[in-house]
């Protein structure tokens, strides 16, 4: 199975941590996400699984040990 997202070059600082925006590489119908949609912000790939249906949307931010 192909990864469902990639990290863009767009960054944001939050609580002293650099976050990167995610971009969908495939549709995730459960969340109304289409390939190419921009999502929320994560610190590292461990914060958002590359498989399954989970998604970080809008202006949501995930960092540290959260996933």
PDB file of N, CA and C in Angstrom:
ATOM      1  N   UNK A   1       0.850  -1.193   0.000  1.00  0.00           N
ATOM      2  CA  UNK A   1       0.000   0.000   0.000  1.00  0.00           C
ATOM      3  C   UNK A   1       0.889   1.246   0.000  1.00  0.00           C
ATOM      4  N   UNK A   2       0.479   2.224  -0.735  1.00  0.00           N
ATOM      5  CA  UNK A   2       1.204   3.485  -0.847  1.00  0.00           C
ATOM      6  C   UNK A   2       0.935   4.357   0.375  1.00  0.00           C
ATOM      7  N   UNK A   3       1.937   5.121   0.758  1.00  0.00           N
ATOM      8  CA  UNK A   3       1.771   6.071   1.861  1.00  0.00           C
ATOM      9  C   UNK A   3       0.592   6.992   1.560  1.00  0.00           C
ATOM     10  N   UNK A   4      -0.115   7.379   2.584  1.00  0.00           N
ATOM     11  CA  UNK A   4      -1.293   8.222   2.361  1.00  0.00           C
ATOM     12  C   UNK A   4      -0.998   9.711   2.401  1.00  0.00           C
ATOM     13  N   UNK A   5       0.211  10.096   2.848  1.00  0.00           N
ATOM     14  CA  UNK A   5       0.537  11.522   2.910  1.00  0.00           C
ATOM     15  C   UNK A   5       2.024  11.751   2.712  1.00  0.00           C
ATOM     16  N   UNK A   6       2.339  13.014   2.474  1.00  0.00           N
ATOM     17  CA  UNK A   6       3.736  13.445   2.450  1.00  0.00           C
ATOM     18  C   UNK A   6       3.836  14.700   3.298  1.00  0.00           C
ATOM     19  N   UNK A   7       5.034  14.997   3.749  1.00  0.00           N
ATOM     20  CA  UNK A   7       5.281  16.242   4.474  1.00  0.00           C
ATOM     21  C   UNK A   7       5.635  17.315   3.460  1.00  0.00           C
ATOM     22  N   UNK A   8       4.993  18.458   3.551  1.00  0.00           N
ATOM     23  CA  UNK A   8       5.299  19.554   2.644  1.00  0.00           C
ATOM     24  C   UNK A   8       6.500  20.336   3.196  1.00  0.00           C
ATOM     25  N   UNK A   9       6.946  21.312   2.454  1.00  0.00           N
ATOM     26  CA  UNK A   9       8.044  22.173   2.924  1.00  0.00           C
ATOM     27  C   UNK A   9       7.522  23.314   3.800  1.00  0.00           C
ATOM     28  N   UNK A  10       6.198  23.436   3.916  1.00  0.00           N
ATOM     29  CA  UNK A  10       5.593  24.489   4.735  1.00  0.00           C
ATOM     30  C   UNK A  10       5.793  24.149   6.221  1.00  0.00           C
ATOM     31  N   UNK A  11       6.335  25.070   6.979  1.00  0.00           N
ATOM     32  CA  UNK A  11       6.586  24.844   8.397  1.00  0.00           C
ATOM     33  C   UNK A  11       5.931  25.916   9.251  1.00  0.00           C
ATOM     34  N   UNK A  12       5.787  25.578  10.533  1.00  0.00           N
ATOM     35  CA  UNK A  12       5.221  26.507  11.515  1.00  0.00           C
ATOM     36  C   UNK A  12       5.878  26.180  12.851  1.00  0.00           C
ATOM     37  N   UNK A  13       6.183  27.208  13.632  1.00  0.00           N
ATOM     38  CA  UNK A  13       6.737  27.008  14.979  1.00  0.00           C
ATOM     39  C   UNK A  13       5.591  27.056  15.977  1.00  0.00           C
ATOM     40  N   UNK A  14       5.582  26.089  16.895  1.00  0.00           N
ATOM     41  CA  UNK A  14       4.555  26.047  17.931  1.00  0.00           C
ATOM     42  C   UNK A  14       5.181  25.485  19.201  1.00  0.00           C
ATOM     43  N   UNK A  15       5.093  26.208  20.274  1.00  0.00           N
ATOM     44  CA  UNK A  15       5.665  25.781  21.562  1.00  0.00           C
ATOM     45  C   UNK A  15       7.118  25.341  21.430  1.00  0.00           C
ATOM     46  N   UNK A  16       7.893  26.067  20.632  1.00  0.00           N
ATOM     47  CA  UNK A  16       9.306  25.772  20.461  1.00  0.00           C
ATOM     48  C   UNK A  16       9.607  24.590  19.556  1.00  0.00           C
ATOM     49  N   UNK A  17       8.599  24.072  18.871  1.00  0.00           N
ATOM     50  CA  UNK A  17       8.762  22.904  18.001  1.00  0.00           C
ATOM     51  C   UNK A  17       8.425  23.276  16.566  1.00  0.00           C
ATOM     52  N   UNK A  18       9.219  22.800  15.623  1.00  0.00           N
ATOM     53  CA  UNK A  18       8.925  23.018  14.206  1.00  0.00           C
ATOM     54  C   UNK A  18       7.988  21.924  13.725  1.00  0.00           C
ATOM     55  N   UNK A  19       6.855  22.337  13.184  1.00  0.00           N
ATOM     56  CA  UNK A  19       5.860  21.418  12.642  1.00  0.00           C
ATOM     57  C   UNK A  19       5.819  21.559  11.133  1.00  0.00           C
ATOM     58  N   UNK A  20       5.483  20.474  10.447  1.00  0.00           N
ATOM     59  CA  UNK A  20       5.351  20.506   8.979  1.00  0.00           C
ATOM     60  C   UNK A  20       3.938  20.094   8.597  1.00  0.00           C
ATOM     61  N   UNK A  21       3.429  20.735   7.549  1.00  0.00           N
ATOM     62  CA  UNK A  21       2.076  20.450   7.068  1.00  0.00           C
ATOM     63  C   UNK A  21       2.060  19.147   6.283  1.00  0.00           C
ATOM     64  N   UNK A  22       0.968  18.396   6.417  1.00  0.00           N
ATOM     65  CA  UNK A  22       0.806  17.156   5.662  1.00  0.00           C
ATOM     66  C   UNK A  22      -0.058  17.402   4.427  1.00  0.00           C
ATOM     67  N   UNK A  23       0.180  16.592   3.409  1.00  0.00           N
ATOM     68  CA  UNK A  23      -0.578  16.660   2.165  1.00  0.00           C
ATOM     69  C   UNK A  23      -0.992  15.244   1.793  1.00  0.00           C
ATOM     70  N   UNK A  24      -2.280  15.045   1.539  1.00  0.00           N
ATOM     71  CA  UNK A  24      -2.804  13.718   1.210  1.00  0.00           C
ATOM     72  C   UNK A  24      -2.314  13.263  -0.167  1.00  0.00           C
ATOM     73  N   UNK A  25      -1.880  12.015  -0.231  1.00  0.00           N
ATOM     74  CA  UNK A  25      -1.465  11.421  -1.506  1.00  0.00           C
ATOM     75  C   UNK A  25      -2.548  10.524  -2.079  1.00  0.00           C
ATOM     76  N   UNK A  26      -3.559  10.230  -1.276  1.00  0.00           N
ATOM     77  CA  UNK A  26      -4.690   9.420  -1.738  1.00  0.00           C
ATOM     78  C   UNK A  26      -5.945   9.880  -1.009  1.00  0.00           C
ATOM     79  N   UNK A  27      -7.079   9.484  -1.516  1.00  0.00           N
ATOM     80  CA  UNK A  27      -8.352   9.821  -0.882  1.00  0.00           C
ATOM     81  C   UNK A  27      -8.484   9.089   0.452  1.00  0.00           C
ATOM     82  N   UNK A  28      -9.077   9.764   1.422  1.00  0.00           N
ATOM     83  CA  UNK A  28      -9.438   9.162   2.705  1.00  0.00           C
ATOM     84  C   UNK A  28     -10.910   9.515   2.922  1.00  0.00           C
ATOM     85  N   UNK A  29     -11.814   8.761   2.278  1.00  0.00           N
ATOM     86  CA  UNK A  29     -13.239   9.107   2.273  1.00  0.00           C
ATOM     87  C   UNK A  29     -13.860   9.283   3.656  1.00  0.00           C
ATOM     88  N   UNK A  30     -13.423   8.510   4.627  1.00  0.00           N
ATOM     89  CA  UNK A  30     -13.992   8.599   5.974  1.00  0.00           C
ATOM     90  C   UNK A  30     -13.908  10.010   6.533  1.00  0.00           C
ATOM     91  N   UNK A  31     -12.886  10.763   6.143  1.00  0.00           N
ATOM     92  CA  UNK A  31     -12.689  12.118   6.643  1.00  0.00           C
ATOM     93  C   UNK A  31     -12.937  13.183   5.578  1.00  0.00           C
ATOM     94  N   UNK A  32     -13.450  12.781   4.414  1.00  0.00           N
ATOM     95  CA  UNK A  32     -13.717  13.742   3.349  1.00  0.00           C
ATOM     96  C   UNK A  32     -12.460  14.328   2.741  1.00  0.00           C
ATOM     97  N   UNK A  33     -11.368  13.581   2.803  1.00  0.00           N
ATOM     98  CA  UNK A  33     -10.076  14.053   2.296  1.00  0.00           C
ATOM     99  C   UNK A  33      -9.852  13.494   0.896  1.00  0.00           C
ATOM    100  N   UNK A  34      -9.433  14.359  -0.016  1.00  0.00           N
ATOM    101  CA  UNK A  34      -9.106  13.952  -1.379  1.00  0.00           C
ATOM    102  C   UNK A  34      -7.604  14.078  -1.597  1.00  0.00           C
ATOM    103  N   UNK A  35      -7.079  13.242  -2.475  1.00  0.00           N
ATOM    104  CA  UNK A  35      -5.655  13.328  -2.814  1.00  0.00           C
ATOM    105  C   UNK A  35      -5.330  14.774  -3.189  1.00  0.00           C
ATOM    106  N   UNK A  36      -4.261  15.297  -2.634  1.00  0.00           N
ATOM    107  CA  UNK A  36      -3.851  16.677  -2.903  1.00  0.00           C
ATOM    108  C   UNK A  36      -4.285  17.666  -1.831  1.00  0.00           C
ATOM    109  N   UNK A  37      -5.238  17.269  -0.973  1.00  0.00           N
ATOM    110  CA  UNK A  37      -5.683  18.169   0.100  1.00  0.00           C
ATOM    111  C   UNK A  37      -4.572  18.381   1.116  1.00  0.00           C
ATOM    112  N   UNK A  38      -4.492  19.596   1.625  1.00  0.00           N
ATOM    113  CA  UNK A  38      -3.574  19.893   2.715  1.00  0.00           C
ATOM    114  C   UNK A  38      -4.258  19.582   4.034  1.00  0.00           C
ATOM    115  N   UNK A  39      -3.477  19.068   4.975  1.00  0.00           N
ATOM    116  CA  UNK A  39      -4.014  18.739   6.288  1.00  0.00           C
ATOM    117  C   UNK A  39      -3.418  19.630   7.352  1.00  0.00           C
ATOM    118  N   UNK A  40      -3.334  19.076   8.546  1.00  0.00           N
ATOM    119  CA  UNK A  40      -2.797  19.809   9.677  1.00  0.00           C
ATOM    120  C   UNK A  40      -1.280  19.716   9.742  1.00  0.00           C
ATOM    121  N   UNK A  41      -0.761  19.778  10.957  1.00  0.00           N
ATOM    122  CA  UNK A  41       0.670  19.928  11.187  1.00  0.00           C
ATOM    123  C   UNK A  41       1.182  18.834  12.103  1.00  0.00           C
ATOM    124  N   UNK A  42       2.325  18.218  11.744  1.00  0.00           N
ATOM    125  CA  UNK A  42       2.949  17.219  12.599  1.00  0.00           C
ATOM    126  C   UNK A  42       4.436  17.526  12.745  1.00  0.00           C
ATOM    127  N   UNK A  43       5.004  17.046  13.834  1.00  0.00           N
ATOM    128  CA  UNK A  43       6.431  17.236  14.059  1.00  0.00           C
ATOM    129  C   UNK A  43       7.249  16.196  13.299  1.00  0.00           C
ATOM    130  N   UNK A  44       6.771  14.951  13.290  1.00  0.00           N
ATOM    131  CA  UNK A  44       7.535  13.847  12.700  1.00  0.00           C
ATOM    132  C   UNK A  44       6.575  12.768  12.205  1.00  0.00           C
ATOM    133  N   UNK A  45       7.046  11.902  11.336  1.00  0.00           N
ATOM    134  CA  UNK A  45       6.174  10.878  10.741  1.00  0.00           C
ATOM    135  C   UNK A  45       5.611   9.924  11.787  1.00  0.00           C
ATOM    136  N   UNK A  46       6.249   9.783  12.931  1.00  0.00           N
ATOM    137  CA  UNK A  46       5.713   8.924  13.989  1.00  0.00           C
ATOM    138  C   UNK A  46       4.413   9.479  14.582  1.00  0.00           C
ATOM    139  N   UNK A  47       4.116  10.749  14.323  1.00  0.00           N
ATOM    140  CA  UNK A  47       2.888  11.354  14.838  1.00  0.00           C
ATOM    141  C   UNK A  47       1.648  10.986  14.031  1.00  0.00           C
ATOM    142  N   UNK A  48       1.811  10.492  12.810  1.00  0.00           N
ATOM    143  CA  UNK A  48       0.666  10.159  11.958  1.00  0.00           C
ATOM    144  C   UNK A  48       1.005   8.936  11.130  1.00  0.00           C
ATOM    145  N   UNK A  49       0.274   7.856  11.362  1.00  0.00           N
ATOM    146  CA  UNK A  49       0.513   6.619  10.630  1.00  0.00           C
ATOM    147  C   UNK A  49       0.392   6.856   9.132  1.00  0.00           C
ATOM    148  N   UNK A  50       1.221   6.178   8.369  1.00  0.00           N
ATOM    149  CA  UNK A  50       1.166   6.293   6.909  1.00  0.00           C
ATOM    150  C   UNK A  50       0.168   5.312   6.296  1.00  0.00           C
ATOM    151  N   UNK A  51      -0.477   4.501   7.111  1.00  0.00           N
ATOM    152  CA  UNK A  51      -1.486   3.537   6.645  1.00  0.00           C
ATOM    153  C   UNK A  51      -2.796   3.767   7.389  1.00  0.00           C
ATOM    154  N   UNK A  52      -3.837   3.124   6.937  1.00  0.00           N
ATOM    155  CA  UNK A  52      -5.130   3.246   7.607  1.00  0.00           C
ATOM    156  C   UNK A  52      -5.859   4.523   7.236  1.00  0.00           C
ATOM    157  N   UNK A  53      -6.828   4.904   8.092  1.00  0.00           N
ATOM    158  CA  UNK A  53      -7.710   6.030   7.787  1.00  0.00           C
ATOM    159  C   UNK A  53      -7.517   7.251   8.673  1.00  0.00           C
ATOM    160  N   UNK A  54      -6.572   7.225   9.607  1.00  0.00           N
ATOM    161  CA  UNK A  54      -6.390   8.391  10.474  1.00  0.00           C
ATOM    162  C   UNK A  54      -5.880   9.581   9.659  1.00  0.00           C
ATOM    163  N   UNK A  55      -6.185  10.786  10.155  1.00  0.00           N
ATOM    164  CA  UNK A  55      -5.812  12.010   9.456  1.00  0.00           C
ATOM    165  C   UNK A  55      -5.713  13.150  10.448  1.00  0.00           C
ATOM    166  N   UNK A  56      -4.836  14.083  10.191  1.00  0.00           N
ATOM    167  CA  UNK A  56      -4.728  15.322  10.965  1.00  0.00           C
ATOM    168  C   UNK A  56      -5.205  16.427  10.030  1.00  0.00           C
ATOM    169  N   UNK A  57      -6.305  17.059  10.367  1.00  0.00           N
ATOM    170  CA  UNK A  57      -6.895  18.031   9.454  1.00  0.00           C
ATOM    171  C   UNK A  57      -6.906  19.439  10.002  1.00  0.00           C
ATOM    172  N   UNK A  58      -7.305  20.352   9.132  1.00  0.00           N
ATOM    173  CA  UNK A  58      -7.458  21.749   9.517  1.00  0.00           C
ATOM    174  C   UNK A  58      -6.170  22.344  10.042  1.00  0.00           C
ATOM    175  N   UNK A  59      -6.256  22.996  11.183  1.00  0.00           N
ATOM    176  CA  UNK A  59      -5.090  23.601  11.815  1.00  0.00           C
ATOM    177  C   UNK A  59      -4.609  22.783  13.017  1.00  0.00           C
ATOM    178  N   UNK A  60      -5.019  21.507  13.057  1.00  0.00           N
ATOM    179  CA  UNK A  60      -4.619  20.639  14.172  1.00  0.00           C
ATOM    180  C   UNK A  60      -3.105  20.469  14.185  1.00  0.00           C
ATOM    181  N   UNK A  61      -2.549  20.348  15.393  1.00  0.00           N
ATOM    182  CA  UNK A  61      -1.095  20.203  15.565  1.00  0.00           C
ATOM    183  C   UNK A  61      -0.813  18.978  16.423  1.00  0.00           C
ATOM    184  N   UNK A  62       0.127  18.152  15.976  1.00  0.00           N
ATOM    185  CA  UNK A  62       0.511  16.949  16.701  1.00  0.00           C
ATOM    186  C   UNK A  62       2.024  16.932  16.808  1.00  0.00           C
ATOM    187  N   UNK A  63       2.539  16.774  18.047  1.00  0.00           N
ATOM    188  CA  UNK A  63       3.989  16.776  18.236  1.00  0.00           C
ATOM    189  C   UNK A  63       4.341  15.931  19.450  1.00  0.00           C
ATOM    190  N   UNK A  64       5.628  15.822  19.694  1.00  0.00           N
ATOM    191  CA  UNK A  64       6.099  15.043  20.840  1.00  0.00           C
ATOM    192  C   UNK A  64       5.746  13.574  20.680  1.00  0.00           C
ATOM    193  N   UNK A  65       5.246  12.960  21.748  1.00  0.00           N
ATOM    194  CA  UNK A  65       4.910  11.540  21.715  1.00  0.00           C
ATOM    195  C   UNK A  65       3.470  11.283  21.273  1.00  0.00           C
ATOM    196  N   UNK A  66       2.730  12.326  20.933  1.00  0.00           N
ATOM    197  CA  UNK A  66       1.333  12.151  20.501  1.00  0.00           C
ATOM    198  C   UNK A  66       1.283  11.483  19.137  1.00  0.00           C
ATOM    199  N   UNK A  67       0.242  10.678  18.941  1.00  0.00           N
ATOM    200  CA  UNK A  67       0.008  10.054  17.634  1.00  0.00           C
ATOM    201  C   UNK A  67      -1.442   9.641  17.510  1.00  0.00           C
TER     202      UNK A  67
END
